[in-house]
Protein backbone atom coordinates (compact mmCIF):
# COMPACT_ATOMS: atom_id res chain seq x y z
CA MET A 1 -0.04 16.45 -7.28
CA LEU A 2 -2.46 14.38 -5.20
CA GLY A 3 -0.21 11.30 -5.08
CA ILE A 4 2.70 13.23 -3.58
CA ALA A 5 0.42 14.73 -0.89
CA ALA A 6 -0.94 11.25 -0.11
CA ILE A 7 2.56 9.80 0.33
CA ALA A 8 3.50 12.77 2.56
CA TYR A 9 0.42 12.03 4.70
CA VAL A 10 1.36 8.34 4.98
CA ASP A 11 4.91 9.29 5.99
CA GLU A 12 3.66 11.79 8.59
CA CYS A 13 1.33 9.22 10.16
CA LEU A 14 4.05 6.60 10.34
CA GLU A 15 6.54 9.08 11.83
CA ARG A 16 4.00 9.80 14.59
CA GLY A 17 3.53 6.09 15.21
CA TYR A 18 0.04 5.85 13.70
CA PRO A 19 -0.89 3.00 11.37
CA LEU A 20 -3.41 3.89 8.67
CA ARG A 21 -6.00 2.14 6.56
CA ALA A 22 -5.55 2.30 2.79
CA GLY A 23 -8.00 1.35 0.08
CA ILE A 24 -6.47 -0.59 -2.79
CA ASN A 25 -7.51 -2.01 -6.14
CA HIS A 26 -7.26 -5.77 -5.62
CA THR A 27 -8.96 -7.64 -8.47
CA LEU A 28 -7.38 -11.07 -8.06
CA GLY A 29 -7.16 -11.19 -11.85
CA LEU A 30 -10.92 -10.86 -12.37
CA ASP A 31 -10.84 -7.40 -14.01
CA TYR A 32 -14.43 -6.50 -13.09
CA ASN A 33 -15.14 -2.83 -13.79
CA GLU A 34 -11.45 -2.10 -14.20
CA GLU A 35 -11.03 -0.54 -17.64
CA ASP A 36 -13.21 2.53 -17.21
CA ASN A 37 -13.07 3.10 -13.47
CA PRO A 38 -10.64 1.12 -11.29
CA THR A 39 -12.21 0.81 -7.87
CA THR A 40 -11.14 0.41 -4.27
CA ASP A 41 -12.27 -3.09 -3.43
CA HIS A 42 -9.98 -4.11 -0.56
CA TYR A 43 -8.34 -2.48 2.46
CA VAL A 44 -5.01 -2.97 4.18
CA VAL A 45 -3.35 -1.32 7.19
CA ILE A 46 -0.01 0.37 6.49
CA VAL A 47 2.12 -0.17 9.60
CA GLY A 48 5.67 0.82 8.68
CA ARG A 49 8.22 1.88 6.13
CA LYS A 50 11.79 0.87 5.37
CA CYS A 51 14.48 1.28 2.79
CA ASP A 52 15.36 -2.00 1.10
CA LYS A 53 18.49 -1.83 -1.10
CA GLY A 54 17.81 1.82 -1.91
CA THR A 55 14.10 1.31 -2.56
CA LEU A 56 11.49 2.71 -0.19
CA THR A 57 8.84 0.17 0.81
CA TYR A 58 5.75 0.40 3.00
CA LEU A 59 4.87 -2.56 5.20
CA TYR A 60 1.21 -3.45 5.53
CA TRP A 61 -1.10 -5.96 7.18
CA ASP A 62 -3.78 -7.56 5.06
CA VAL A 63 -6.56 -7.87 7.62
CA GLY A 64 -8.85 -9.56 5.09
CA THR A 65 -6.81 -12.76 4.93
CA LYS A 66 -5.96 -15.48 7.42
CA ARG A 67 -2.25 -14.59 7.19
CA GLY A 68 -2.91 -10.97 8.19
CA GLU A 69 0.63 -9.91 9.06
CA SER A 70 3.50 -11.06 6.87
CA ALA A 71 6.99 -9.74 6.20
CA ASP A 72 6.20 -10.37 2.53
CA TYR A 73 3.44 -7.74 2.45
CA ARG A 74 4.96 -4.54 1.09
CA PHE A 75 4.21 -1.69 -1.26
CA GLN A 76 7.13 -0.37 -3.28
CA LEU A 77 7.28 3.38 -3.90
CA ILE A 78 7.57 4.19 -7.61
CA ASP A 79 8.33 7.62 -9.12
CA GLY A 80 8.05 9.22 -5.67
CA TYR A 81 4.25 9.08 -5.53
CA LYS A 82 2.86 5.69 -6.63
CA CYS A 83 2.83 2.40 -4.75
CA SER A 84 2.90 -1.03 -6.30
CA TRP A 85 2.56 -4.50 -4.80
CA LYS A 86 5.82 -6.13 -3.87
CA ARG A 87 5.82 -9.79 -2.96
CA GLU A 88 8.92 -11.76 -2.16
């Protein structure tokens, strides 16, 4: 499964101390071109990972905003191979 291999690659990079760029689908509620073919329209830099109350999360920097780095920026791992936005 591609998603599991992608998560393994993210984990390997982080274990070696390498941040990595990730393309995400970030529509801001506009839903352009999203039903037939969700697209990568924004990039973030994944910089770390931690376990938060038994849930694995990936920390990222959003380099396309003026806040950039924030402790609130996290992806939550779901079903062992999918990531979802997590905002506190």
